[in-house]
Amino acid sequence: MTETEKLLIDGDSLTVDEAYAVAVERLRVGLAPKARKRMLRTRAVVDAIVEKNEVVYGVTTGFGKLSDVAIPPNKLAELQINLARSHASGVGDRLPEPEVRAMMLLRANVIAKGYSGVRPELVDLLLDMLNADVYPPIPEQGSVGASGDLAPLAHLALSMIGEGTLIKEGQEESAAKFLARIGTKPVVLAPKEGITLINGTQAHTAVALIALVGARSLWRTAHVAGAMSLEALLGTPVAFDERIHDARGQKGQSRSAALLRDLLADSELRESHRHGDPRVQDPYSLRCMPQVHGPVLDALDWIDNAVSRELNAATDNPLVFENGETLSGGNFHGLTVAMALDFLAIVLTHLATMAERRIDRLVHPDLNQGLPPFLSPDAGVHSGFMMAQVTAAALASECKVLSHPASVDTIPTDGGKEDVVPMAMGAAWKARRVLRNLENILAIELMCGAQAIDFRAPLKPGRGVRTAHERVREIVPRLEADRVLGADISALRAAVADERFADIGRVT
């Protein structure tokens, strides 16, 4: 790959979509020349501080509660190494590879911004690792999201100095051996470089950006599944009339209604009950999709703005400026993205609860407008999709529990020096779990909705629903007799996660 085919990071212009392409699609990445020059200028400032033996936090002092401990010049290199070792104290399940890749990219981008006062070699090594598709094991627990994601980032730093392990394509061995194999070598940390590698919000922001991309896809898929349910239940699209939503003036709501109108256009099922239907209104889970799905889109836009800013934020401490000044502050505090992640869990839970209620109406013999009980061709001998709704209910209920915000909690750490922390990594893994639950719930709704549409034949649903029905049937067959549904749900969930249903329907 040539330099022109790489994404060049400069610390200022990285976008969510670009970061996602590096993390998930393995887009190659390099360092912009202007960023390299800027880094060299602020590195010269740090070198001057060390030469003069000035007292600067994290450069010639200890860290956190130990910031009042002056470090002699002959111990400065040992200080940085010990920082990486001592802070690599994470536990629990490992972050998935895409999240680790995103974290590596974001840390490189923040350093490239030039306020860290470190050598470009650190960024070069991170990018070499990314481009070679190697990554370190990062435990997802152990960070409170203040002073940065110290433990996760320390595990990354450990691999960069040749300690710990690295992974490629499932193979794990010593970091030093892997770095040699890809044609590079561990970095020897200079003053300020250890604290730079671990100070920042990049672990929980990495989870956030990947979850955000997935959430936007699920927002569209929720409309596809909801439209299919509405058609199967002989619901009316009148509630999606443009005039209703213009009268309220909420942007997301109007976009949601427009997408539903497109999905439901040219429906024979609608025409079959346009006249003579005694029902005046559908239940909220059908009628109020724009009023619930719409605010979710508005929230995703807010979350996107918060995360996008954080991708290019200077989160080190202290910050080093080209005029020779260093300033110690708290840009590493993770509340901005922690709140965004809590908000993400909440709004995805709204999509989950709406979808679960629609699933219940599809299978409930008293509510499903004449469809067979539990959508079984031979109900009684066969249970049909009875337990699929139970699974959806379990997942939706779990989402509600996980929607309790993590960012309102705090426990003082570091001897009281870090006395108010945002628990950002807790918010991150909760949001990711809610997103996975929603994928499964929407898979179940698509499975049940397609079965219900089959029972409405030969009448055809709207054009978008027809496309969705065809795609479901490419993945799972119609249920003729009871079978193990776990595999069907899993296959459809994979398709939902792969955005197989997110491109159906147009919305402006």
Foldseek 3Di string as FASTA:
>chain_A
DDPVQAAEFQLADDALVNLLCCLPVVGAYHHDPVLQVLLVLLLVLLVVCLVVVPQAFQQQFADFVRSVHGHDSVCQLVRLVVQLVVLQDADAAWDDRSLQSSLLLLLLNLSSNRFQNDHNVSSVLSSLCSNVQKGATFHLDDALQFLARQNRLSRRLCLLQFQHWIDHPRDIDTSQVVQVVSPHGHDRDHGSRSSSSRGAHRNLLSLLSVLLVLVLLLLLLLLLLLLLLCLLLLHDLPLLPLVVCVVVPQDLLVLSSQQNCQLFPPFLSNVVPVPDDPDPHDDCLNSVCSVQSSVLVVLSVVLSVLSRVRSSDNRGAFTGDSVSDTDGDTSSARLSNLVSLLSLLVSLLSSLVSLLVSLCQLQPPVRRNPAPHLLAPDPPQFPHCPVVSVLSVVLSVLSVVLSPRQQVDAPADSVNSRVHHRSRSSSSVSSVSSSLSSLLSSLSSLLSSLSSQVVVPPTGGGPLNNVSSVVLCVQPPHDHGDDDCPVSSVSSSVCSSVSVSSPGGDGD
